[in-house]
């Protein structure tokens, strides 16, 4: 009798475990860690004081510690900002961490952070400006010279400047949807060589802008592409552009009876920007953005928890165009 009871109990446990496995397998794939924003404060300085790299992230159920690597680069030579273990939590909430670092050499830089497995990464531009030397014959010894008048920076024109890099200040953007912040798509002219990507933004002598970018993440599961057209009007300093980007995320998981469930989400985002040249080597402005996501199979991967099959959103985001001297 005891043997029969034990067998019955054993069979119940087996059935329960099988049911639990099926229930877990039925859940669509979601990411456990996600960068919310990455920013350098101040974004432009003379290099005389320390910079602050501020990171906001969403552990989104990641209970284990995540190892984070942060660098800055002005080309292909990365310099370490920090390597740290940051905690995750079972509940979903936005956390933040910051690191202090110094850069003295003038130039356009980019800070970036990634997880140790390379599954997530984020980028933020910053600039170290050369000190302005002012010669004022009216200035007396020991007295500082008067600063130049507003807008009195040196002016350059297309032909003198032949390339640039576009950056979006994603953490300062707005969205009309709680399900989607500004999509962090790839951007023309940003240096992605350290992660195997390609990007360019060319300026023709007549001021026409043309650019493209491509990047893969999550071991090739996520593919990002972008194409840009625009114009830099030399007579007025006005800059306008139209950027179309696409992100395709593919996922697969084991289903019941050994069947593999596959699917992908496709998110298309369009940015229309306008602004003007605001310093010797930079133009700034704001871009209106719209995005649309669709899922080919919500059992495998979803656009969001609230709207798994598809969503739309729109808003605005500040941008910077950094000209290459």
Protein backbone atom coordinates (compact mmCIF):
# COMPACT_ATOMS: atom_id res chain seq x y z
CA UNK A 1 0.00 0.00 0.00
CA UNK A 2 2.82 2.40 0.92
CA UNK A 3 4.54 1.60 -2.37
CA UNK A 4 1.37 2.45 -4.32
CA UNK A 5 0.99 5.76 -2.44
CA UNK A 6 4.62 6.59 -3.15
CA UNK A 7 4.18 5.83 -6.87
CA UNK A 8 1.04 7.97 -7.02
CA UNK A 9 2.79 10.85 -5.28
CA UNK A 10 5.78 10.50 -7.58
CA UNK A 11 3.53 10.61 -10.66
CA UNK A 12 1.79 13.75 -9.34
CA UNK A 13 5.16 15.47 -8.85
CA UNK A 14 6.25 14.51 -12.38
CA UNK A 15 2.99 15.85 -13.86
CA UNK A 16 3.33 19.09 -11.84
CA UNK A 17 6.92 19.62 -13.00
CA UNK A 18 5.93 18.99 -16.59
CA UNK A 19 3.07 21.47 -16.31
CA UNK A 20 5.40 24.04 -14.76
CA UNK A 21 7.94 23.56 -17.56
CA UNK A 22 5.24 24.05 -20.20
CA UNK A 23 3.97 27.16 -18.46
CA UNK A 24 7.44 28.65 -18.32
CA UNK A 25 8.11 27.72 -21.95
CA UNK A 26 4.89 29.47 -22.98
CA UNK A 27 6.26 32.84 -21.88
CA UNK A 28 7.63 35.03 -24.69
CA UNK A 29 11.26 36.03 -24.45
CA UNK A 30 11.92 39.27 -22.56
CA UNK A 31 15.19 41.03 -21.82
CA UNK A 32 16.35 41.00 -18.21
CA UNK A 33 18.54 44.10 -18.22
CA UNK A 34 18.15 47.33 -20.13
CA UNK A 35 19.90 50.70 -20.18
CA UNK A 36 17.42 53.55 -19.75
CA UNK A 37 19.87 56.42 -20.25
CA UNK A 38 23.56 57.25 -20.31
CA UNK A 39 24.81 60.84 -19.98
CA UNK A 40 28.03 62.75 -19.35
CA UNK A 41 27.75 65.87 -17.19
CA UNK A 42 28.68 68.43 -18.32
CA UNK A 43 28.36 67.40 -21.98
CA UNK A 44 30.85 70.15 -22.95
CA UNK A 45 33.67 71.55 -20.80
CA UNK A 46 37.26 72.77 -20.91
CA UNK A 47 38.58 69.65 -19.16
CA UNK A 48 39.63 71.48 -15.99
CA UNK A 49 37.15 69.64 -13.76
CA UNK A 50 35.93 66.10 -13.34
CA UNK A 51 33.16 64.65 -15.50
CA UNK A 52 30.28 62.55 -14.22
CA UNK A 53 29.05 59.50 -16.14
CA UNK A 54 25.44 58.90 -15.02
CA UNK A 55 23.69 55.63 -15.87
CA UNK A 56 20.04 54.77 -15.40
CA UNK A 57 19.08 51.14 -15.95
CA UNK A 58 16.15 48.80 -15.59
CA UNK A 59 17.02 45.40 -14.07
CA UNK A 60 13.58 44.17 -15.23
CA UNK A 61 13.67 41.04 -13.11
CA UNK A 62 17.42 40.44 -13.17
CA UNK A 63 18.10 39.03 -9.71
CA UNK A 64 21.79 38.41 -10.26
CA UNK A 65 24.56 40.99 -10.20
CA UNK A 66 25.40 42.44 -13.61
CA UNK A 67 29.01 43.22 -14.50
CA UNK A 68 29.32 46.56 -16.26
CA UNK A 69 32.22 47.93 -18.33
CA UNK A 70 32.39 51.66 -19.21
CA UNK A 71 34.87 53.39 -21.52
CA UNK A 72 35.34 56.59 -23.49
CA UNK A 73 36.84 56.88 -26.93
CA UNK A 74 37.88 59.50 -29.46
CA UNK A 75 38.33 57.03 -32.31
CA UNK A 76 39.45 53.44 -31.96
CA UNK A 77 41.42 53.81 -28.70
CA UNK A 78 39.10 53.11 -25.73
CA UNK A 79 40.00 54.34 -22.24
CA UNK A 80 38.49 52.69 -19.16
CA UNK A 81 36.12 54.78 -17.03
CA UNK A 82 34.94 52.02 -14.69
CA UNK A 83 34.43 48.28 -14.30
CA UNK A 84 31.84 47.51 -11.67
CA UNK A 85 29.27 45.01 -10.44
CA UNK A 86 25.80 46.54 -10.18
CA UNK A 87 22.87 44.88 -8.40
CA UNK A 88 19.68 43.58 -9.94
CA UNK A 89 16.30 43.14 -8.25
CA UNK A 90 13.35 40.84 -8.72
CA UNK A 91 10.93 43.74 -9.07
CA UNK A 92 10.92 46.08 -12.06
CA UNK A 93 12.21 49.55 -11.26
CA UNK A 94 14.68 52.07 -12.63
CA UNK A 95 17.97 52.32 -10.77
CA UNK A 96 20.96 54.61 -11.24
CA UNK A 97 24.71 54.57 -10.74
CA UNK A 98 27.42 57.12 -11.56
CA UNK A 99 31.20 57.25 -12.03
CA UNK A 100 33.63 60.19 -12.00
CA UNK A 101 36.41 60.51 -14.59
CA UNK A 102 38.65 63.14 -16.19
CA UNK A 103 39.58 64.01 -19.77
CA UNK A 104 41.83 67.00 -20.55
CA UNK A 105 42.68 66.78 -24.24
CA UNK A 106 40.32 68.85 -26.46
CA UNK A 107 38.17 66.86 -28.86
CA UNK A 108 34.85 65.12 -29.50
CA UNK A 109 34.45 61.97 -27.41
CA UNK A 110 31.94 59.23 -26.81
CA UNK A 111 31.33 57.39 -23.57
CA UNK A 112 29.84 53.92 -23.78
CA UNK A 113 28.94 51.13 -21.38
CA UNK A 114 28.18 47.49 -21.99
CA UNK A 115 27.38 44.39 -19.98
CA UNK A 116 30.06 41.73 -19.67
CA UNK A 117 28.22 39.43 -22.09
CA UNK A 118 27.83 42.23 -24.65
CA UNK A 119 24.04 41.82 -24.58
CA UNK A 120 23.33 45.49 -23.80
CA UNK A 121 25.19 48.70 -24.58
CA UNK A 122 24.58 52.46 -24.45
CA UNK A 123 26.39 55.56 -25.70
CA UNK A 124 26.69 59.27 -24.82
CA UNK A 125 28.74 62.01 -26.56
CA UNK A 126 30.72 64.71 -24.80
CA UNK A 127 33.17 67.40 -25.84
CA UNK A 128 36.34 68.86 -24.37
CA UNK A 129 36.77 72.35 -25.76
CA UNK A 130 40.11 74.05 -26.31
CA UNK A 131 40.55 77.21 -24.23
CA UNK A 132 39.79 80.39 -26.16
CA UNK A 133 42.79 82.70 -26.41
CA UNK A 134 41.66 86.31 -26.81
CA UNK A 135 44.02 89.07 -27.82
CA UNK A 136 42.77 92.45 -26.68
CA UNK A 137 45.19 95.35 -27.16
CA UNK A 138 43.04 97.44 -24.76
CA UNK A 139 43.44 94.99 -21.91
CA UNK A 140 45.83 96.08 -19.19
CA UNK A 141 48.39 93.71 -17.69
CA UNK A 142 46.75 91.50 -15.10
CA UNK A 143 43.24 92.10 -16.46
CA UNK A 144 41.32 89.47 -18.45
CA UNK A 145 40.31 90.32 -22.00
CA UNK A 146 36.66 90.82 -22.86
CA UNK A 147 34.92 87.66 -24.15
CA UNK A 148 33.81 87.61 -27.78
CA UNK A 149 30.31 88.79 -28.62
CA UNK A 150 27.50 86.24 -28.67
CA UNK A 151 27.55 84.21 -31.86
CA UNK A 152 31.07 85.40 -32.63
CA UNK A 153 32.55 81.92 -33.04
CA UNK A 154 34.49 81.09 -36.22
CA UNK A 155 32.18 80.08 -39.08
CA UNK A 156 32.86 77.15 -41.38
CA UNK A 157 31.07 76.11 -44.57
CA UNK A 158 30.37 72.86 -46.44
CA UNK A 159 33.50 71.97 -48.35
CA UNK A 160 35.67 72.99 -45.40
CA UNK A 161 33.77 70.43 -43.30
CA UNK A 162 33.19 67.12 -45.10
CA UNK A 163 31.92 64.78 -42.37
CA UNK A 164 30.11 64.78 -39.04
CA UNK A 165 28.53 62.61 -36.39
CA UNK A 166 24.87 62.77 -35.32
CA UNK A 167 23.81 62.18 -31.74
CA UNK A 168 20.42 62.11 -30.05
CA UNK A 169 20.06 63.14 -26.39
CA UNK A 170 17.74 60.20 -25.77
CA UNK A 171 17.40 60.75 -22.01
CA UNK A 172 15.99 64.24 -22.68
CA UNK A 173 13.40 63.05 -25.21
CA UNK A 174 9.63 62.95 -24.79
CA UNK A 175 7.12 60.23 -25.70
CA UNK A 176 3.33 60.08 -25.88
CA UNK A 177 3.37 56.40 -24.88
CA UNK A 178 4.14 54.85 -21.50
CA UNK A 179 5.14 51.67 -23.34
CA UNK A 180 7.96 53.23 -25.35
CA UNK A 181 10.64 55.83 -24.65
CA UNK A 182 12.64 57.31 -27.54
CA UNK A 183 13.95 54.27 -29.48
CA UNK A 184 17.75 54.05 -29.33
CA UNK A 185 18.41 53.22 -32.95
CA UNK A 186 21.82 53.39 -34.68
CA UNK A 187 22.93 56.87 -35.74
CA UNK A 188 24.97 57.94 -38.81
CA UNK A 189 28.46 59.20 -38.04
CA UNK A 190 28.74 57.57 -34.60
CA UNK A 191 31.82 55.37 -34.17
CA UNK A 192 30.59 51.78 -33.77
CA UNK A 193 33.82 50.05 -34.81
CA UNK A 194 34.49 48.85 -31.25
CA UNK A 195 31.33 46.72 -31.45
CA UNK A 196 31.70 45.69 -35.10
CA UNK A 197 29.30 48.26 -36.58
CA UNK A 198 29.67 50.70 -39.48
CA UNK A 199 28.55 54.32 -39.72
CA UNK A 200 29.17 57.45 -41.80
CA UNK A 201 27.74 60.95 -42.29
CA UNK A 202 29.12 62.86 -45.29
CA UNK A 203 28.74 66.55 -46.14
CA UNK A 204 28.87 67.55 -49.82
CA UNK A 205 30.26 70.93 -50.97
CA UNK A 206 26.70 72.17 -51.56
CA UNK A 207 25.73 71.24 -47.97
CA UNK A 208 23.82 68.04 -48.76
CA UNK A 209 23.95 65.51 -45.90
CA UNK A 210 23.98 61.76 -46.54
CA UNK A 211 24.62 59.01 -44.04
CA UNK A 212 24.01 55.42 -43.03
CA UNK A 213 24.68 53.05 -40.14
CA UNK A 214 24.45 49.35 -39.36
CA UNK A 215 24.95 47.46 -36.11
CA UNK A 216 24.21 44.06 -34.60
CA UNK A 217 23.71 43.26 -30.92
CA UNK A 218 22.71 40.30 -28.71
CA UNK A 219 24.99 37.96 -30.66
CA UNK A 220 23.31 38.85 -33.96
CA UNK A 221 19.73 38.54 -32.70
CA UNK A 222 19.19 42.29 -33.07
CA UNK A 223 20.00 44.12 -36.32
CA UNK A 224 19.89 47.91 -36.62
CA UNK A 225 20.15 49.97 -39.81
CA UNK A 226 19.64 53.63 -40.65
CA UNK A 227 19.66 55.99 -43.63
CA UNK A 228 19.88 59.80 -43.49
CA UNK A 229 19.39 62.65 -45.94
CA UNK A 230 19.50 66.36 -45.15
CA UNK A 231 20.91 69.81 -45.81
CA UNK A 232 23.28 72.28 -44.19
CA UNK A 233 22.43 75.74 -45.52
CA UNK A 234 25.70 77.66 -45.48
CA UNK A 235 24.06 81.08 -45.87
CA UNK A 236 21.79 80.80 -42.82
CA UNK A 237 23.48 78.03 -40.80
CA UNK A 238 20.21 76.05 -40.75
CA UNK A 239 20.47 72.25 -40.62
CA UNK A 240 17.64 69.85 -41.46
CA UNK A 241 17.61 66.06 -41.81
CA UNK A 242 15.36 63.03 -42.30
CA UNK A 243 16.53 59.79 -40.68
CA UNK A 244 14.81 56.42 -41.17
CA UNK A 245 15.92 53.56 -38.94
CA UNK A 246 14.91 49.92 -38.55
CA UNK A 247 15.50 47.48 -35.70
CA UNK A 248 14.76 43.77 -36.19
CA UNK A 249 14.93 41.51 -33.12
CA UNK A 250 14.68 37.73 -33.67
CA UNK A 251 14.01 35.13 -30.97
CA UNK A 252 13.28 31.42 -30.66
CA UNK A 253 12.35 29.11 -27.82
CA UNK A 254 11.40 25.51 -27.24
CA UNK A 255 7.69 24.80 -27.36
CA UNK A 256 5.68 21.70 -26.56
CA UNK A 257 6.39 18.37 -28.23
CA UNK A 258 9.85 19.49 -29.27
CA UNK A 259 8.53 22.21 -31.59
CA UNK A 260 10.71 25.34 -31.82
CA UNK A 261 8.77 28.60 -31.74
CA UNK A 262 10.38 31.46 -33.67
CA UNK A 263 9.41 35.08 -34.21
CA UNK A 264 10.69 38.59 -34.60
CA UNK A 265 9.76 42.17 -33.84
CA UNK A 266 10.35 44.91 -36.39
CA UNK A 267 10.49 48.51 -35.20
CA UNK A 268 10.72 51.35 -37.73
CA UNK A 269 11.51 54.81 -36.37
CA UNK A 270 11.64 58.09 -38.32
CA UNK A 271 13.32 61.25 -37.04
CA UNK A 272 12.78 64.65 -38.72
CA UNK A 273 15.19 67.21 -37.30
CA UNK A 274 15.75 70.94 -37.68
CA UNK A 275 18.20 73.31 -36.01
CA UNK A 276 21.21 75.50 -36.66
CA UNK A 277 24.97 75.79 -36.23
CA UNK A 278 25.50 76.96 -32.64
CA UNK A 279 29.29 76.79 -32.21
CA UNK A 280 32.38 76.39 -34.35
CA UNK A 281 32.06 72.63 -34.73
CA UNK A 282 28.50 71.84 -33.67
CA UNK A 283 24.88 72.25 -34.73
CA UNK A 284 21.98 71.58 -32.35
CA UNK A 285 18.22 71.33 -32.59
CA UNK A 286 15.18 69.13 -31.99
CA UNK A 287 13.73 66.21 -33.94
CA UNK A 288 10.17 64.90 -34.08
CA UNK A 289 10.11 61.11 -34.02
CA UNK A 290 7.53 58.41 -34.73
CA UNK A 291 7.90 54.68 -34.28
CA UNK A 292 5.90 51.58 -35.15
CA UNK A 293 6.57 48.07 -33.85
CA UNK A 294 5.03 44.78 -34.98
CA UNK A 295 5.57 41.17 -33.91
CA UNK A 296 5.40 38.19 -36.26
CA UNK A 297 4.75 35.78 -33.38
CA UNK A 298 3.91 37.06 -29.89
CA UNK A 299 4.45 33.57 -28.44
CA UNK A 300 8.16 34.03 -29.20
CA UNK A 301 8.83 37.75 -28.78
CA UNK A 302 6.58 40.75 -28.05
CA UNK A 303 6.73 44.49 -28.74
CA UNK A 304 5.86 45.21 -25.09
CA UNK A 305 4.06 43.59 -22.21
CA UNK A 306 1.07 45.92 -22.57
CA UNK A 307 0.84 45.66 -26.36
CA UNK A 308 2.58 42.44 -27.46
CA UNK A 309 1.53 42.39 -31.14
CA UNK A 310 2.21 46.02 -32.06
CA UNK A 311 2.49 49.58 -30.87
CA UNK A 312 2.98 53.11 -32.14
CA UNK A 313 4.49 56.11 -30.36
CA UNK A 314 5.81 59.59 -31.10
CA UNK A 315 7.54 62.50 -29.43
CA UNK A 316 10.55 64.78 -29.71
CA UNK A 317 14.25 64.51 -28.89
CA UNK A 318 17.14 67.03 -28.85
CA UNK A 319 20.04 66.30 -31.21
CA UNK A 320 23.64 67.36 -31.80
CA UNK A 321 25.59 67.31 -35.05
CA UNK A 322 29.33 67.30 -34.32
CA UNK A 323 31.39 68.44 -37.29
CA UNK A 324 34.77 66.78 -37.85
CA UNK A 325 37.51 69.43 -38.28
